[in-house]
Amino acid sequence: MTTPVCTSKFAGYATSCAGYEFTSYVRAKGPALLRTARSLTPNPSDAEDLLQTALTKTYLAWERIDDHRALDSYVRRTLVNTRTSQWRKRRVDEYATDELPEPSATAAAGPDGAEQQAERDAMLRAISRLPVRQRAMVVLRYYEDMSEAQTAEALGVSVGTVKSAVSRALSKLREDPELVGR
């Protein structure tokens, strides 16, 4: 793949580096934006589709965005607005009837959304009980998916400090009474 060359004039027309800038932005921020999309919809495939739609809308508006420092906010707002529009347009497959249908075997075998949410809530409460420094390291390592070196650089500590603090934090989480039975 070749890198596009950006020039200011081509055959009398002003050109920009919009395509190159957009590609660089998506490569840099794509994983974080995908995590945001996944928090908006329970299905990972739907989250990828949602992100693709939001990025398409952002690309079409790229030249109109005045402050490129606020791109993260712009794309996240586009994700939320797109998800809201999809939710409003969804087709309702429920019909009024006098009889209740028998529960299917596949419905009983599927994951319980309420239980999954309870587990996530318990994990968030357990993480909030960690000391501030350990909590920051756990969030950067596992939620933001940073390497040990990136986490150390972000917090201004050594890699060894990150390793030991994360190890202690995970130990505390494993012993947390709210998480032990899960």
Protein backbone atom coordinates (compact mmCIF):
# COMPACT_ATOMS: atom_id res chain seq x y z
CA MET A 1 0.00 0.00 0.00
CA THR A 2 1.37 3.40 -0.90
CA THR A 3 1.01 6.51 1.18
CA PRO A 4 -0.81 9.28 -0.67
CA VAL A 5 1.18 12.41 -1.36
CA CYS A 6 -0.62 15.57 -0.35
CA THR A 7 -0.11 18.62 -2.53
CA SER A 8 -1.63 22.05 -2.31
CA LYS A 9 -2.39 22.48 -6.05
CA PHE A 10 -3.21 19.90 -8.68
CA ALA A 11 -4.26 21.01 -12.15
CA GLY A 12 -5.40 24.35 -10.77
CA TYR A 13 -7.55 22.82 -8.00
CA ALA A 14 -6.73 22.99 -4.32
CA THR A 15 -6.51 19.53 -2.80
CA SER A 16 -6.28 18.38 0.78
CA CYS A 17 -4.95 15.47 2.73
CA ALA A 18 -8.42 14.57 4.04
CA GLY A 19 -8.24 10.92 3.03
CA TYR A 20 -4.80 10.46 4.53
CA GLU A 21 -5.68 12.35 7.73
CA PHE A 22 -8.89 10.36 8.13
CA THR A 23 -7.09 7.04 7.63
CA SER A 24 -4.46 8.03 10.19
CA TYR A 25 -7.15 9.06 12.64
CA VAL A 26 -9.06 5.77 12.26
CA ARG A 27 -5.88 3.71 12.67
CA ALA A 28 -4.98 5.58 15.85
CA LYS A 29 -8.42 5.80 17.45
CA GLY A 30 -10.22 2.79 15.96
CA PRO A 31 -9.87 0.40 18.96
CA ALA A 32 -11.07 3.02 21.45
CA LEU A 33 -14.01 3.95 19.21
CA LEU A 34 -14.92 0.27 18.84
CA ARG A 35 -15.00 -0.06 22.64
CA THR A 36 -17.38 2.90 22.74
CA ALA A 37 -19.58 1.31 20.07
CA ARG A 38 -19.60 -1.97 22.00
CA SER A 39 -20.84 -0.15 25.06
CA LEU A 40 -23.79 1.15 23.03
CA THR A 41 -24.97 -2.20 21.67
CA PRO A 42 -24.80 -5.71 23.13
CA ASN A 43 -23.89 -7.51 19.89
CA PRO A 44 -20.22 -7.16 18.78
CA SER A 45 -21.20 -7.40 15.10
CA ASP A 46 -23.74 -4.62 15.53
CA ALA A 47 -21.07 -2.55 17.28
CA GLU A 48 -18.74 -2.94 14.29
CA ASP A 49 -21.55 -1.95 11.92
CA LEU A 50 -22.41 1.03 14.12
CA LEU A 51 -18.78 2.19 14.12
CA GLN A 52 -18.52 1.75 10.35
CA THR A 53 -21.66 3.85 9.83
CA ALA A 54 -20.43 6.57 12.20
CA LEU A 55 -17.02 6.67 10.51
CA THR A 56 -18.68 6.94 7.10
CA LYS A 57 -20.72 9.91 8.32
CA THR A 58 -17.57 11.45 9.83
CA TYR A 59 -15.63 11.00 6.59
CA LEU A 60 -18.38 12.71 4.61
CA ALA A 61 -18.29 15.63 7.05
CA TRP A 62 -14.48 15.71 7.38
CA GLU A 63 -13.96 18.93 5.43
CA ARG A 64 -16.71 20.70 7.41
CA ILE A 65 -15.21 19.88 10.81
CA ASP A 66 -13.43 23.03 11.87
CA ASP A 67 -11.64 21.83 14.99
CA HIS A 68 -9.96 18.48 14.39
CA ARG A 69 -8.85 18.43 18.03
CA ALA A 70 -12.48 17.66 18.91
CA LEU A 71 -12.75 14.69 16.53
CA ASP A 72 -13.11 12.14 19.33
CA SER A 73 -16.12 13.99 20.69
CA TYR A 74 -17.57 14.39 17.21
CA VAL A 75 -17.26 10.69 16.39
CA ARG A 76 -18.64 9.60 19.78
CA ARG A 77 -21.62 11.92 19.35
CA THR A 78 -22.12 10.47 15.85
CA LEU A 79 -22.03 6.96 17.35
CA VAL A 80 -24.68 7.86 19.92
CA ASN A 81 -26.90 9.66 17.39
CA THR A 82 -26.61 6.81 14.89
CA ARG A 83 -27.45 4.22 17.57
CA THR A 84 -30.44 6.29 18.66
CA SER A 85 -31.67 6.53 15.07
CA GLN A 86 -31.26 2.78 14.59
CA TRP A 87 -33.15 2.11 17.79
CA ARG A 88 -36.02 4.35 16.72
CA LYS A 89 -36.24 2.73 13.27
CA ARG A 90 -36.13 -0.86 14.51
CA ARG A 91 -38.91 -3.10 13.41
CA VAL A 92 -41.12 -4.38 16.18
CA ASP A 93 -41.68 -8.12 15.88
CA GLU A 94 -44.20 -8.35 18.70
CA TYR A 95 -47.86 -8.97 18.07
CA ALA A 96 -50.74 -9.02 20.50
CA THR A 97 -52.16 -12.50 21.08
CA ASP A 98 -54.46 -14.24 23.53
CA GLU A 99 -52.09 -17.17 24.13
CA LEU A 100 -48.55 -17.15 25.42
CA PRO A 101 -46.08 -19.11 23.30
CA GLU A 102 -44.12 -21.98 24.80
CA PRO A 103 -40.55 -21.03 25.69
CA SER A 104 -38.08 -22.37 23.16
CA ALA A 105 -35.04 -24.44 24.11
CA THR A 106 -32.69 -21.92 22.50
CA ALA A 107 -34.11 -19.05 24.54
CA ALA A 108 -33.41 -20.93 27.76
CA ALA A 109 -29.85 -21.79 26.66
CA GLY A 110 -28.89 -18.19 25.79
CA PRO A 111 -27.00 -15.88 28.12
CA ASP A 112 -29.02 -14.04 30.72
CA GLY A 113 -28.61 -10.32 30.09
CA ALA A 114 -29.58 -9.42 33.64
CA GLU A 115 -26.95 -11.78 35.05
CA GLN A 116 -24.28 -10.39 32.74
CA GLN A 117 -25.17 -6.85 33.83
CA ALA A 118 -25.04 -7.90 37.49
CA GLU A 119 -21.55 -9.34 36.92
CA ARG A 120 -20.37 -6.14 35.22
CA ASP A 121 -21.80 -4.03 38.05
CA ALA A 122 -20.09 -6.24 40.67
CA MET A 123 -16.78 -5.92 38.80
CA LEU A 124 -17.10 -2.13 38.59
CA ARG A 125 -17.82 -1.93 42.33
CA ALA A 126 -14.83 -4.18 43.07
CA ILE A 127 -12.55 -2.07 40.88
CA SER A 128 -13.80 1.11 42.57
CA ARG A 129 -12.68 -0.36 45.93
CA LEU A 130 -9.07 -0.66 44.71
CA PRO A 131 -6.58 2.04 45.68
CA VAL A 132 -6.50 4.88 43.15
CA ARG A 133 -3.10 3.97 41.68
CA GLN A 134 -3.98 0.28 41.24
CA ARG A 135 -7.36 1.19 39.80
CA ALA A 136 -5.73 3.49 37.25
CA MET A 137 -3.31 0.78 36.18
CA VAL A 138 -6.02 -1.88 35.87
CA VAL A 139 -8.19 0.45 33.80
CA LEU A 140 -5.35 1.44 31.49
CA ARG A 141 -4.10 -2.14 31.07
CA TYR A 142 -7.41 -3.97 30.64
CA TYR A 143 -10.07 -1.42 29.73
CA GLU A 144 -7.97 0.84 27.51
CA ASP A 145 -5.90 -2.16 26.34
CA MET A 146 -2.53 -0.46 26.84
CA SER A 147 0.70 -2.43 27.11
CA GLU A 148 2.69 -2.41 30.34
CA ALA A 149 5.16 0.03 28.79
CA GLN A 150 2.40 2.37 27.60
CA THR A 151 0.75 2.26 31.04
CA ALA A 152 4.07 3.00 32.73
CA GLU A 153 4.70 5.93 30.40
CA ALA A 154 1.18 7.32 30.88
CA LEU A 155 1.49 7.21 34.66
CA GLY A 156 5.16 8.19 34.87
CA VAL A 157 6.29 5.00 36.64
CA SER A 158 8.51 2.05 35.74
CA VAL A 159 7.27 -1.07 33.95
CA GLY A 160 8.13 -3.11 37.05
CA THR A 161 5.87 -0.88 39.15
CA VAL A 162 3.02 -1.47 36.71
CA LYS A 163 3.57 -5.24 36.78
CA SER A 164 3.62 -5.48 40.57
CA ALA A 165 0.71 -3.07 41.12
CA VAL A 166 -1.48 -4.83 38.54
CA SER A 167 -0.59 -8.20 40.06
CA ARG A 168 -1.63 -6.99 43.53
CA ALA A 169 -4.81 -5.44 42.13
CA LEU A 170 -5.81 -8.65 40.34
CA SER A 171 -5.12 -10.58 43.53
CA LYS A 172 -7.47 -8.27 45.43
CA LEU A 173 -10.13 -8.65 42.74
CA ARG A 174 -9.89 -12.46 42.90
CA GLU A 175 -10.42 -12.30 46.66
CA ASP A 176 -13.22 -9.74 46.55
CA PRO A 177 -16.23 -11.26 48.37
CA GLU A 178 -18.66 -9.90 45.80
CA LEU A 179 -16.80 -11.62 42.94
CA VAL A 180 -15.79 -14.92 44.59
CA GLY A 181 -19.06 -16.74 43.84
CA ARG A 182 -19.24 -15.62 40.21
